[in-house]
């Protein structure tokens, strides 16, 4: 079974590189979004397994749209990504209800798989 992913990031280069990397490992990138509004539309339309969500979106913080994304795509795992380190966000990452945080510099198919496994209840 393939895992469908929605990429949410306002940087085209990141989306392109993430798409190529994930698809090479068997993930299905089912959609892309450049801001919070398009992320909510795409998540509702696609119903992805995973939402790779950048924290620095142009219209809202990724932290602010985790709950609305869960409403429109209740089965999705929300994985936050940022070029900034996790420590820059303090307790806000845990408080927003996301399943995991992955630094963009360490994003690989293996790191995504590990985050998904860690977020899956036993």
C-alpha atoms as a PDB file:
ATOM      1  CA  UNK A   1       0.000   0.000   0.000  1.00  0.00           C
ATOM      2  CA  UNK A   2       1.402   3.377  -0.960  1.00  0.00           C
ATOM      3  CA  UNK A   3       1.322   6.371   1.344  1.00  0.00           C
ATOM      4  CA  UNK A   4      -0.223   9.538  -0.112  1.00  0.00           C
ATOM      5  CA  UNK A   5       1.361  12.854   0.825  1.00  0.00           C
ATOM      6  CA  UNK A   6       0.218  16.465   0.601  1.00  0.00           C
ATOM      7  CA  UNK A   7       3.190  18.856   0.458  1.00  0.00           C
ATOM      8  CA  UNK A   8       2.466  22.272   1.968  1.00  0.00           C
ATOM      9  CA  UNK A   9       5.242  24.798   1.490  1.00  0.00           C
ATOM     10  CA  UNK A  10       5.475  28.184  -0.199  1.00  0.00           C
ATOM     11  CA  UNK A  11       8.910  27.431  -1.689  1.00  0.00           C
ATOM     12  CA  UNK A  12       8.649  25.742  -5.064  1.00  0.00           C
ATOM     13  CA  UNK A  13      12.200  24.399  -4.888  1.00  0.00           C
ATOM     14  CA  UNK A  14      11.526  22.620  -1.585  1.00  0.00           C
ATOM     15  CA  UNK A  15       8.289  21.101  -2.906  1.00  0.00           C
ATOM     16  CA  UNK A  16      10.043  19.949  -6.074  1.00  0.00           C
ATOM     17  CA  UNK A  17      12.958  18.377  -4.214  1.00  0.00           C
ATOM     18  CA  UNK A  18      10.703  16.790  -1.589  1.00  0.00           C
ATOM     19  CA  UNK A  19       8.421  15.397  -4.303  1.00  0.00           C
ATOM     20  CA  UNK A  20      11.333  13.831  -6.206  1.00  0.00           C
ATOM     21  CA  UNK A  21      12.863  12.367  -3.049  1.00  0.00           C
ATOM     22  CA  UNK A  22       9.603  10.929  -1.718  1.00  0.00           C
ATOM     23  CA  UNK A  23       8.378   9.560  -5.041  1.00  0.00           C
ATOM     24  CA  UNK A  24      11.743   7.835  -5.591  1.00  0.00           C
ATOM     25  CA  UNK A  25      11.040   5.905  -2.386  1.00  0.00           C
ATOM     26  CA  UNK A  26       7.477   4.914  -3.278  1.00  0.00           C
ATOM     27  CA  UNK A  27       5.484   7.670  -1.599  1.00  0.00           C
ATOM     28  CA  UNK A  28       2.693   9.159  -3.717  1.00  0.00           C
ATOM     29  CA  UNK A  29       2.687  12.946  -3.675  1.00  0.00           C
ATOM     30  CA  UNK A  30      -1.019  13.445  -4.250  1.00  0.00           C
ATOM     31  CA  UNK A  31      -1.001  17.231  -4.083  1.00  0.00           C
ATOM     32  CA  UNK A  32       0.781  20.439  -3.247  1.00  0.00           C
ATOM     33  CA  UNK A  33      -0.259  23.673  -1.569  1.00  0.00           C
ATOM     34  CA  UNK A  34       1.516  27.000  -1.160  1.00  0.00           C
ATOM     35  CA  UNK A  35      -0.391  28.503   1.775  1.00  0.00           C
ATOM     36  CA  UNK A  36      -2.844  27.643   4.532  1.00  0.00           C
ATOM     37  CA  UNK A  37      -5.957  28.294   2.449  1.00  0.00           C
ATOM     38  CA  UNK A  38      -4.863  26.018  -0.389  1.00  0.00           C
ATOM     39  CA  UNK A  39      -3.643  23.417   2.123  1.00  0.00           C
ATOM     40  CA  UNK A  40      -7.117  23.165   3.641  1.00  0.00           C
ATOM     41  CA  UNK A  41      -8.731  22.871   0.190  1.00  0.00           C
ATOM     42  CA  UNK A  42      -6.266  20.222  -0.994  1.00  0.00           C
ATOM     43  CA  UNK A  43      -6.422  18.216   2.225  1.00  0.00           C
ATOM     44  CA  UNK A  44     -10.222  18.069   1.984  1.00  0.00           C
ATOM     45  CA  UNK A  45     -10.075  17.129  -1.699  1.00  0.00           C
ATOM     46  CA  UNK A  46      -7.325  14.498  -1.432  1.00  0.00           C
ATOM     47  CA  UNK A  47      -7.708  13.031   2.040  1.00  0.00           C
ATOM     48  CA  UNK A  48      -3.967  12.271   2.229  1.00  0.00           C
ATOM     49  CA  UNK A  49      -2.309   9.819   4.598  1.00  0.00           C
ATOM     50  CA  UNK A  50       0.388  12.387   5.444  1.00  0.00           C
ATOM     51  CA  UNK A  51       0.503  16.176   5.363  1.00  0.00           C
ATOM     52  CA  UNK A  52       4.033  17.555   5.270  1.00  0.00           C
ATOM     53  CA  UNK A  53       3.351  21.048   6.610  1.00  0.00           C
ATOM     54  CA  UNK A  54       5.802  23.940   6.622  1.00  0.00           C
ATOM     55  CA  UNK A  55       5.584  26.163   9.682  1.00  0.00           C
ATOM     56  CA  UNK A  56       6.320  29.372   7.798  1.00  0.00           C
ATOM     57  CA  UNK A  57       3.417  29.866   5.408  1.00  0.00           C
ATOM     58  CA  UNK A  58       2.642  33.293   3.926  1.00  0.00           C
ATOM     59  CA  UNK A  59      -0.944  33.562   5.206  1.00  0.00           C
ATOM     60  CA  UNK A  60      -0.842  31.700   8.554  1.00  0.00           C
ATOM     61  CA  UNK A  61       1.550  29.749  10.696  1.00  0.00           C
ATOM     62  CA  UNK A  62       1.521  26.019  10.109  1.00  0.00           C
ATOM     63  CA  UNK A  63       1.013  25.716  13.864  1.00  0.00           C
ATOM     64  CA  UNK A  64      -2.354  27.424  13.489  1.00  0.00           C
ATOM     65  CA  UNK A  65      -3.758  25.110  10.852  1.00  0.00           C
ATOM     66  CA  UNK A  66      -3.044  21.683  12.343  1.00  0.00           C
ATOM     67  CA  UNK A  67      -6.498  21.491  13.956  1.00  0.00           C
ATOM     68  CA  UNK A  68      -8.371  22.732  10.850  1.00  0.00           C
ATOM     69  CA  UNK A  69      -6.409  20.238   8.718  1.00  0.00           C
ATOM     70  CA  UNK A  70      -7.431  17.426  11.063  1.00  0.00           C
ATOM     71  CA  UNK A  71     -11.055  18.515  10.621  1.00  0.00           C
ATOM     72  CA  UNK A  72     -10.953  18.275   6.827  1.00  0.00           C
ATOM     73  CA  UNK A  73      -8.625  15.241   6.651  1.00  0.00           C
ATOM     74  CA  UNK A  74      -9.178  13.369   9.928  1.00  0.00           C
ATOM     75  CA  UNK A  75      -7.077  10.334   9.031  1.00  0.00           C
ATOM     76  CA  UNK A  76      -3.982  12.295   8.008  1.00  0.00           C
ATOM     77  CA  UNK A  77      -0.761  12.344   9.977  1.00  0.00           C
ATOM     78  CA  UNK A  78       0.485  15.942  10.217  1.00  0.00           C
ATOM     79  CA  UNK A  79       4.263  16.243  10.042  1.00  0.00           C
ATOM     80  CA  UNK A  80       5.603  19.741  10.631  1.00  0.00           C
ATOM     81  CA  UNK A  81       8.732  20.823   8.768  1.00  0.00           C
ATOM     82  CA  UNK A  82      10.870  23.921   9.091  1.00  0.00           C
ATOM     83  CA  UNK A  83      14.286  25.212   8.164  1.00  0.00           C
ATOM     84  CA  UNK A  84      14.443  26.577  11.707  1.00  0.00           C
ATOM     85  CA  UNK A  85      15.304  24.203  14.558  1.00  0.00           C
ATOM     86  CA  UNK A  86      12.585  22.729  16.754  1.00  0.00           C
ATOM     87  CA  UNK A  87      13.922  24.679  19.745  1.00  0.00           C
ATOM     88  CA  UNK A  88      12.882  27.942  18.064  1.00  0.00           C
ATOM     89  CA  UNK A  89       9.241  26.945  18.564  1.00  0.00           C
ATOM     90  CA  UNK A  90       9.400  25.879  22.203  1.00  0.00           C
ATOM     91  CA  UNK A  91       6.267  24.140  23.458  1.00  0.00           C
ATOM     92  CA  UNK A  92       4.132  25.343  20.540  1.00  0.00           C
ATOM     93  CA  UNK A  93       4.892  22.241  18.441  1.00  0.00           C
ATOM     94  CA  UNK A  94       3.612  19.833  21.083  1.00  0.00           C
ATOM     95  CA  UNK A  95       0.658  22.082  21.889  1.00  0.00           C
ATOM     96  CA  UNK A  96      -0.591  22.313  18.294  1.00  0.00           C
ATOM     97  CA  UNK A  97      -1.326  18.591  18.067  1.00  0.00           C
ATOM     98  CA  UNK A  98       0.944  17.673  15.156  1.00  0.00           C
ATOM     99  CA  UNK A  99       2.248  14.127  14.986  1.00  0.00           C
ATOM    100  CA  UNK A 100       5.910  15.052  14.518  1.00  0.00           C
ATOM    101  CA  UNK A 101       8.460  17.703  13.620  1.00  0.00           C
ATOM    102  CA  UNK A 102      11.202  17.133  11.047  1.00  0.00           C
ATOM    103  CA  UNK A 103      13.924  19.669  10.348  1.00  0.00           C
ATOM    104  CA  UNK A 104      14.053  20.309   6.583  1.00  0.00           C
ATOM    105  CA  UNK A 105      17.802  19.678   6.611  1.00  0.00           C
ATOM    106  CA  UNK A 106      17.199  16.124   7.859  1.00  0.00           C
ATOM    107  CA  UNK A 107      14.085  15.329   5.822  1.00  0.00           C
ATOM    108  CA  UNK A 108      14.568  12.031   4.037  1.00  0.00           C
ATOM    109  CA  UNK A 109      12.212   9.169   3.250  1.00  0.00           C
ATOM    110  CA  UNK A 110      13.789   7.337   6.193  1.00  0.00           C
ATOM    111  CA  UNK A 111      13.241  10.233   8.615  1.00  0.00           C
ATOM    112  CA  UNK A 112       9.626  10.544   7.445  1.00  0.00           C
ATOM    113  CA  UNK A 113       9.091   6.791   7.855  1.00  0.00           C
ATOM    114  CA  UNK A 114      10.600   6.920  11.351  1.00  0.00           C
ATOM    115  CA  UNK A 115       8.383   9.870  12.319  1.00  0.00           C
ATOM    116  CA  UNK A 116       5.318   8.072  10.971  1.00  0.00           C
ATOM    117  CA  UNK A 117       6.184   4.928  12.890  1.00  0.00           C
ATOM    118  CA  UNK A 118       6.777   6.883  16.100  1.00  0.00           C
ATOM    119  CA  UNK A 119       3.414   8.629  15.650  1.00  0.00           C
ATOM    120  CA  UNK A 120       1.507   5.375  15.112  1.00  0.00           C
ATOM    121  CA  UNK A 121      -0.149   4.083  18.274  1.00  0.00           C
ATOM    122  CA  UNK A 122       0.998   0.608  19.322  1.00  0.00           C
END
